[in-house]
Protein backbone atom coordinates (compact mmCIF):
# COMPACT_ATOMS: atom_id res chain seq x y z
CA UNK A 1 225.54 129.61 -1.22
CA UNK A 2 222.36 131.55 -0.43
CA UNK A 3 222.67 134.64 -2.56
CA UNK A 4 219.76 135.95 -4.62
CA UNK A 5 219.83 136.55 -8.38
CA UNK A 6 217.21 138.23 -10.55
CA UNK A 7 217.43 137.99 -14.33
CA UNK A 8 215.18 140.18 -16.49
CA UNK A 9 212.51 140.06 -13.79
CA UNK A 10 209.23 141.64 -14.92
CA UNK A 11 205.94 142.18 -13.12
CA UNK A 12 202.73 143.19 -14.88
CA UNK A 13 199.20 143.73 -13.64
CA UNK A 14 197.23 143.32 -16.84
CA UNK A 15 198.67 145.82 -19.29
CA UNK A 16 200.38 147.86 -16.56
CA UNK A 17 204.06 146.97 -16.12
CA UNK A 18 205.36 147.92 -12.68
CA UNK A 19 208.73 146.12 -12.62
CA UNK A 20 210.92 146.51 -15.70
CA UNK A 21 213.60 143.92 -16.59
CA UNK A 22 215.41 143.85 -13.26
CA UNK A 23 218.90 142.31 -13.31
CA UNK A 24 220.42 142.09 -9.85
CA UNK A 25 222.85 139.89 -7.93
CA UNK A 26 222.87 139.84 -4.12
CA UNK A 27 225.81 137.96 -2.63
CA UNK A 28 225.64 135.31 0.09
CA UNK A 29 225.55 137.03 3.51
CA UNK A 30 225.07 140.51 2.04
CA UNK A 31 222.75 143.13 3.54
CA UNK A 32 221.00 144.65 0.52
CA UNK A 33 218.58 147.56 0.83
CA UNK A 34 215.96 148.50 -1.76
CA UNK A 35 215.33 152.23 -1.48
CA UNK A 36 213.25 154.71 -3.42
CA UNK A 37 210.16 156.92 -3.21
CA UNK A 38 206.67 155.56 -2.57
CA UNK A 39 205.32 153.65 -5.55
CA UNK A 40 208.74 152.89 -7.08
CA UNK A 41 208.20 149.10 -6.88
CA UNK A 42 210.52 148.16 -4.03
CA UNK A 43 207.94 146.23 -1.99
CA UNK A 44 206.60 144.55 -5.13
CA UNK A 45 210.12 143.39 -5.99
CA UNK A 46 210.59 142.05 -2.45
CA UNK A 47 207.29 140.17 -2.65
CA UNK A 48 208.35 138.67 -5.96
CA UNK A 49 211.47 137.29 -4.26
CA UNK A 50 209.32 135.99 -1.41
CA UNK A 51 206.88 134.31 -3.81
CA UNK A 52 203.96 136.44 -2.65
CA UNK A 53 203.74 138.06 -6.09
CA UNK A 54 203.91 136.03 -9.30
CA UNK A 55 206.82 136.91 -11.60
CA UNK A 56 205.39 137.68 -15.04
CA UNK A 57 208.63 136.87 -16.85
CA UNK A 58 212.32 136.44 -16.08
CA UNK A 59 213.96 134.32 -13.38
CA UNK A 60 214.61 134.50 -9.64
CA UNK A 61 217.20 132.22 -8.02
CA UNK A 62 218.00 131.66 -4.36
CA UNK A 63 221.32 129.93 -3.99
CA UNK A 64 221.55 127.50 -6.88
CA UNK A 65 217.76 126.99 -7.17
CA UNK A 66 215.50 128.67 -9.68
CA UNK A 67 212.53 129.56 -7.46
CA UNK A 68 210.59 131.64 -10.01
CA UNK A 69 207.59 129.30 -9.94
CA UNK A 70 208.15 127.63 -6.56
CA UNK A 71 205.61 128.16 -3.77
CA UNK A 72 206.53 130.82 -1.18
CA UNK A 73 206.64 128.26 1.66
CA UNK A 74 209.34 126.28 -0.15
CA UNK A 75 211.70 129.12 -1.06
CA UNK A 76 213.65 129.13 2.20
CA UNK A 77 212.86 132.76 2.99
CA UNK A 78 211.31 134.46 6.01
CA UNK A 79 209.59 137.83 5.82
CA UNK A 80 209.16 140.55 8.44
CA UNK A 81 206.37 143.03 7.66
CA UNK A 82 205.55 146.60 8.69
CA UNK A 83 202.82 145.27 10.94
CA UNK A 84 203.96 142.81 13.58
CA UNK A 85 201.16 140.31 12.79
CA UNK A 86 201.48 138.61 16.18
CA UNK A 87 198.78 136.38 17.63
CA UNK A 88 197.36 138.41 20.57
CA UNK A 89 196.24 135.33 22.56
CA UNK A 90 199.70 133.70 22.43
CA UNK A 91 202.76 134.45 24.52
CA UNK A 92 206.02 135.65 22.96
CA UNK A 93 207.38 132.11 23.19
CA UNK A 94 204.30 130.66 21.49
CA UNK A 95 204.32 133.30 18.75
CA UNK A 96 207.95 132.64 17.93
CA UNK A 97 207.54 128.87 17.80
CA UNK A 98 204.15 128.76 16.08
CA UNK A 99 205.43 128.11 12.55
CA UNK A 100 207.63 125.24 13.70
CA UNK A 101 204.76 123.67 15.64
CA UNK A 102 202.51 123.83 12.59
CA UNK A 103 205.21 122.01 10.60
CA UNK A 104 205.42 119.24 13.18
CA UNK A 105 208.87 119.95 14.61
CA UNK A 106 209.70 118.21 17.93
CA UNK A 107 208.99 120.21 21.07
CA UNK A 108 212.62 120.09 22.23
CA UNK A 109 213.85 121.46 18.89
CA UNK A 110 211.29 124.28 18.99
CA UNK A 111 212.31 125.19 22.52
CA UNK A 112 215.98 125.23 21.59
CA UNK A 113 215.46 127.46 18.54
CA UNK A 114 213.15 129.85 20.40
CA UNK A 115 215.67 130.06 23.23
CA UNK A 116 218.49 130.89 20.83
CA UNK A 117 216.43 133.52 19.00
CA UNK A 118 215.35 135.13 22.25
CA UNK A 119 219.00 135.28 23.37
CA UNK A 120 220.03 137.02 20.15
CA UNK A 121 217.16 139.52 20.41
CA UNK A 122 217.33 139.97 24.20
CA UNK A 123 213.76 138.72 24.70
CA UNK A 124 214.43 136.14 27.44
CA UNK A 125 212.56 138.03 30.14
CA UNK A 126 209.50 138.56 27.92
CA UNK A 127 208.85 134.98 26.75
CA UNK A 128 205.76 134.51 28.93
CA UNK A 129 204.22 137.88 28.08
CA UNK A 130 201.52 138.47 25.48
CA UNK A 131 201.94 141.11 22.75
CA UNK A 132 199.72 143.68 24.47
CA UNK A 133 202.23 143.82 27.33
CA UNK A 134 205.11 144.73 25.00
CA UNK A 135 206.32 147.99 23.49
CA UNK A 136 206.35 148.52 19.72
CA UNK A 137 210.07 147.78 19.52
CA UNK A 138 209.68 144.58 21.55
CA UNK A 139 206.84 143.40 19.31
CA UNK A 140 208.97 143.97 16.23
CA UNK A 141 211.77 141.95 17.81
CA UNK A 142 209.30 139.12 18.39
CA UNK A 143 208.33 139.27 14.71
CA UNK A 144 212.01 139.08 13.77
CA UNK A 145 212.49 136.22 16.23
CA UNK A 146 209.68 134.31 14.57
CA UNK A 147 211.64 134.61 11.32
CA UNK A 148 214.93 133.56 12.92
CA UNK A 149 213.59 130.28 14.37
CA UNK A 150 212.66 129.10 10.88
CA UNK A 151 216.35 129.15 9.93
CA UNK A 152 215.72 130.73 6.51
CA UNK A 153 218.32 131.10 3.78
CA UNK A 154 217.24 134.70 3.19
CA UNK A 155 215.57 137.28 5.46
CA UNK A 156 213.21 139.78 3.83
CA UNK A 157 212.23 142.99 5.65
CA UNK A 158 209.39 145.16 4.31
CA UNK A 159 209.74 148.57 6.00
CA UNK A 160 209.83 146.95 9.46
CA UNK A 161 210.48 150.19 11.36
CA UNK A 162 207.86 152.43 9.76
CA UNK A 163 205.38 152.03 12.64
CA UNK A 164 207.90 152.94 15.35
CA UNK A 165 208.62 156.37 16.82
CA UNK A 166 211.90 158.14 16.06
CA UNK A 167 213.84 156.92 19.10
CA UNK A 168 212.72 153.31 18.67
CA UNK A 169 213.63 153.43 14.98
CA UNK A 170 217.22 154.25 15.91
CA UNK A 171 217.33 151.49 18.54
CA UNK A 172 215.87 148.88 16.18
CA UNK A 173 218.21 149.94 13.39
CA UNK A 174 221.12 149.10 15.67
CA UNK A 175 219.45 145.81 16.66
CA UNK A 176 219.01 144.75 13.02
CA UNK A 177 222.61 145.67 12.19
CA UNK A 178 223.78 143.62 15.19
CA UNK A 179 221.54 140.72 14.15
CA UNK A 180 223.06 140.63 10.67
CA UNK A 181 226.56 140.72 12.12
CA UNK A 182 225.80 137.81 14.47
CA UNK A 183 223.97 135.41 12.17
CA UNK A 184 225.56 136.45 8.86
CA UNK A 185 222.51 135.58 6.74
CA UNK A 186 221.56 137.20 3.46
CA UNK A 187 219.14 140.05 4.20
CA UNK A 188 217.05 142.16 1.82
CA UNK A 189 215.49 145.24 3.36
CA UNK A 190 212.95 147.66 1.87
CA UNK A 191 212.68 151.26 3.04
CA UNK A 192 211.91 154.74 1.74
CA UNK A 193 214.20 156.18 4.43
CA UNK A 194 217.63 156.79 2.94
CA UNK A 195 219.15 157.15 6.47
CA UNK A 196 218.20 153.52 7.16
CA UNK A 197 219.64 152.55 3.79
CA UNK A 198 222.94 154.34 4.41
CA UNK A 199 223.44 152.97 7.92
CA UNK A 200 222.42 149.35 7.35
CA UNK A 201 223.38 148.37 3.82
CA UNK A 202 226.36 146.63 2.31
CA UNK A 203 224.65 147.27 -1.03
CA UNK A 204 221.94 149.78 -1.92
CA UNK A 205 219.60 149.39 -4.89
CA UNK A 206 218.00 152.72 -5.82
CA UNK A 207 214.67 152.24 -7.61
CA UNK A 208 212.44 154.62 -9.52
CA UNK A 209 209.26 153.71 -11.42
CA UNK A 210 210.08 150.00 -11.35
CA UNK A 211 213.60 150.40 -12.72
CA UNK A 212 217.03 150.28 -11.09
CA UNK A 213 218.71 153.68 -11.20
CA UNK A 214 221.98 152.62 -9.57
CA UNK A 215 223.47 149.85 -7.42
CA UNK A 216 226.45 150.24 -5.10
CA UNK A 217 227.73 150.59 -1.56
CA UNK A 218 226.33 153.51 0.47
CA UNK A 219 229.44 155.64 0.03
CA UNK A 220 229.75 154.79 -3.67
CA UNK A 221 226.26 156.15 -4.28
CA UNK A 222 226.87 159.15 -2.04
CA UNK A 223 230.18 160.15 -3.60
CA UNK A 224 229.65 158.98 -7.16
CA UNK A 225 225.96 159.20 -8.18
CA UNK A 226 225.15 158.35 -11.80
CA UNK A 227 222.32 160.83 -12.16
CA UNK A 228 220.43 163.71 -10.55
CA UNK A 229 217.80 161.42 -9.03
CA UNK A 230 220.33 159.29 -7.12
CA UNK A 231 222.34 162.36 -6.10
CA UNK A 232 219.22 163.96 -4.64
CA UNK A 233 217.89 160.83 -2.97
CA UNK A 234 221.07 159.71 -1.18
CA UNK A 235 222.19 162.13 1.52
CA UNK A 236 220.34 164.10 4.17
CA UNK A 237 219.60 166.95 3.72
CA UNK A 238 219.41 166.41 -0.03
CA UNK A 239 221.92 167.78 -2.50
CA UNK A 240 221.18 171.30 -3.76
CA UNK A 241 220.54 171.66 -7.49
CA UNK A 242 220.95 175.01 -9.23
CA UNK A 243 220.21 175.67 -12.88
CA UNK A 244 223.24 176.67 -14.87
CA UNK A 245 224.20 177.59 -18.42
CA UNK A 246 227.27 176.31 -20.21
CA UNK A 247 229.57 179.07 -21.40
CA UNK A 248 233.24 179.58 -22.10
CA UNK A 249 235.25 178.56 -19.05
CA UNK A 250 232.56 176.73 -17.12
CA UNK A 251 228.93 176.93 -15.99
CA UNK A 252 227.20 180.21 -15.13
CA UNK A 253 224.62 180.11 -12.31
CA UNK A 254 222.06 182.94 -12.66
CA UNK A 255 220.63 182.34 -9.16
CA UNK A 256 224.00 183.24 -7.64
CA UNK A 257 224.42 186.51 -9.49
CA UNK A 258 225.92 184.97 -12.59
CA UNK A 259 228.70 183.14 -10.73
CA UNK A 260 230.77 181.07 -13.17
CA UNK A 261 231.89 177.68 -11.85
CA UNK A 262 234.99 176.36 -13.66
CA UNK A 263 235.06 172.63 -14.34
CA UNK A 264 237.07 170.02 -16.23
CA UNK A 265 234.11 167.68 -16.88
CA UNK A 266 232.86 167.10 -20.43
CA UNK A 267 230.11 169.71 -20.81
CA UNK A 268 227.50 169.86 -23.60
CA UNK A 269 227.51 172.64 -26.19
CA UNK A 270 227.75 176.26 -25.15
CA UNK A 271 224.33 177.61 -24.17
CA UNK A 272 223.08 174.20 -22.97
CA UNK A 273 221.29 173.99 -19.64
CA UNK A 274 222.86 171.89 -16.88
CA UNK A 275 222.26 171.38 -13.17
CA UNK A 276 224.99 172.16 -10.67
CA UNK A 277 224.74 169.99 -7.55
CA UNK A 278 226.33 170.92 -4.23
CA UNK A 279 225.81 169.17 -0.89
CA UNK A 280 224.74 171.36 2.08
CA UNK A 281 227.99 170.80 3.98
CA UNK A 282 229.96 172.28 1.09
CA UNK A 283 227.97 175.54 0.99
CA UNK A 284 229.56 178.48 2.80
CA UNK A 285 227.33 181.38 3.87
CA UNK A 286 228.53 184.84 4.81
CA UNK A 287 226.76 188.12 5.45
CA UNK A 288 226.98 190.56 2.56
CA UNK A 289 225.15 192.35 -0.22
CA UNK A 290 223.47 189.77 -2.42
CA UNK A 291 220.11 188.82 -3.90
CA UNK A 292 220.12 185.56 -1.92
CA UNK A 293 218.24 185.75 1.36
CA UNK A 294 218.49 183.67 4.54
CA UNK A 295 214.88 182.58 5.07
CA UNK A 296 214.85 180.11 7.97
CA UNK A 297 217.52 178.59 10.24
CA UNK A 298 217.10 175.22 11.96
CA UNK A 299 219.33 174.79 15.01
CA UNK A 300 220.03 171.16 15.87
CA UNK A 301 222.54 171.59 18.69
CA UNK A 302 225.76 170.74 16.86
CA UNK A 303 224.98 172.14 13.44
CA UNK A 304 222.41 174.41 11.88
CA UNK A 305 220.70 174.25 8.51
CA UNK A 306 220.20 177.56 6.75
CA UNK A 307 217.39 177.64 4.19
CA UNK A 308 218.21 180.22 1.54
CA UNK A 309 216.08 181.62 -1.28
CA UNK A 310 217.50 182.99 -4.54
CA UNK A 311 215.67 185.67 -6.58
CA UNK A 312 214.64 182.97 -9.07
CA UNK A 313 212.86 181.13 -6.25
CA UNK A 314 215.46 178.34 -6.18
CA UNK A 315 216.06 177.06 -2.67
CA UNK A 316 219.46 176.28 -1.18
CA UNK A 317 220.22 174.45 2.06
CA UNK A 318 223.54 175.11 3.78
CA UNK A 319 224.98 173.28 6.77
CA UNK A 320 226.61 175.78 9.12
CA UNK A 321 227.97 175.89 12.65
CA UNK A 322 225.37 176.26 15.37
CA UNK A 323 226.97 179.47 16.71
CA UNK A 324 226.40 181.40 13.48
CA UNK A 325 224.56 184.64 14.22
CA UNK A 326 223.45 185.90 10.80
CA UNK A 327 219.84 187.06 11.34
CA UNK A 328 217.01 185.49 9.38
CA UNK A 329 215.86 187.74 6.54
CA UNK A 330 219.41 188.95 5.88
CA UNK A 331 221.03 189.06 2.45
CA UNK A 332 223.88 186.57 2.29
CA UNK A 333 226.67 185.53 -0.03
CA UNK A 334 226.98 181.90 -1.07
CA UNK A 335 230.28 180.22 -1.90
CA UNK A 336 231.45 176.69 -2.62
CA UNK A 337 234.62 175.14 -3.99
CA UNK A 338 234.28 174.07 -7.63
CA UNK A 339 235.88 170.73 -6.74
CA UNK A 340 232.81 169.96 -4.59
CA UNK A 341 230.29 170.56 -7.40
CA UNK A 342 228.55 167.88 -9.47
CA UNK A 343 227.20 168.55 -12.95
CA UNK A 344 224.13 166.95 -14.56
CA UNK A 345 222.76 167.24 -18.08
CA UNK A 346 219.72 169.53 -18.16
CA UNK A 347 217.72 167.16 -20.39
CA UNK A 348 218.75 163.61 -19.47
CA UNK A 349 219.74 164.44 -15.85
CA UNK A 350 222.69 162.06 -16.25
CA UNK A 351 225.94 162.91 -14.48
CA UNK A 352 228.49 164.78 -16.58
CA UNK A 353 231.99 163.43 -15.95
């Protein structure tokens, strides 16, 4: 078994605590993605697993071994960084086999492992080239190949696609998904891009300020968020949040002309403030007298995104068909089915169920 377990993992820099009592279990062969905004601690947590950051307290296990205080080189992990960190004077073949050569592995074994890694990553025709003769995506594949030849128990990826352009990011995302399917190893992947998280992960760990907000499969987090932060972070474009007031029969939304949304969830006391969350695809827009105005429309070819502004200044994004012809600057009516609304406590921001 080569799963990863963290028990009450804490990281402090002096008096500043950046990772707070993390409890997490990653199963053998699972693709787990750490996601969250910049500064939330996801890369620090990954480096703690790798042994590149000392764990202040708590325990980290890989398989059946407690590796909390074991040197990084002996943990059985391989890490792929944002930067490719390739040796410019070495060929692709030499870069991929360098670690094995330094550890005294036989030449035939190195050649066999490099050959297998290059087959998996479709690098066969580039083995004799040097990094300067490769594209960004090819260099990143070489960096991944260097990790593969080590035969690690766990692969760690620290935002490996952040230096690539948009088209290459999509291509490499597919390559990494295919790699996981072929070799079946445990993989932990850090990103701030929730699209990468949704498309790659078996399990997503949403982090904020060094704490876990929620853990689950991509669709579990998308359909059943525990709080406003997770609901807003998972999904693109983000969920809309409108301020509402609890009253008899439901929640009144001032920004939508006092619309009352009926609900069967357990609401706080009458007069309490709550947030009503609605995803863009569930917002319907029609032309008509209203205080809500269509500000900007983005046409993407199959769908459009309408950016609406309420009198209160609250912004609403609606996903509409690309053939919609309501002019920008027009007053519009906004509608959504109550069954598609989420409700969050105005103070704690926890989901109301």
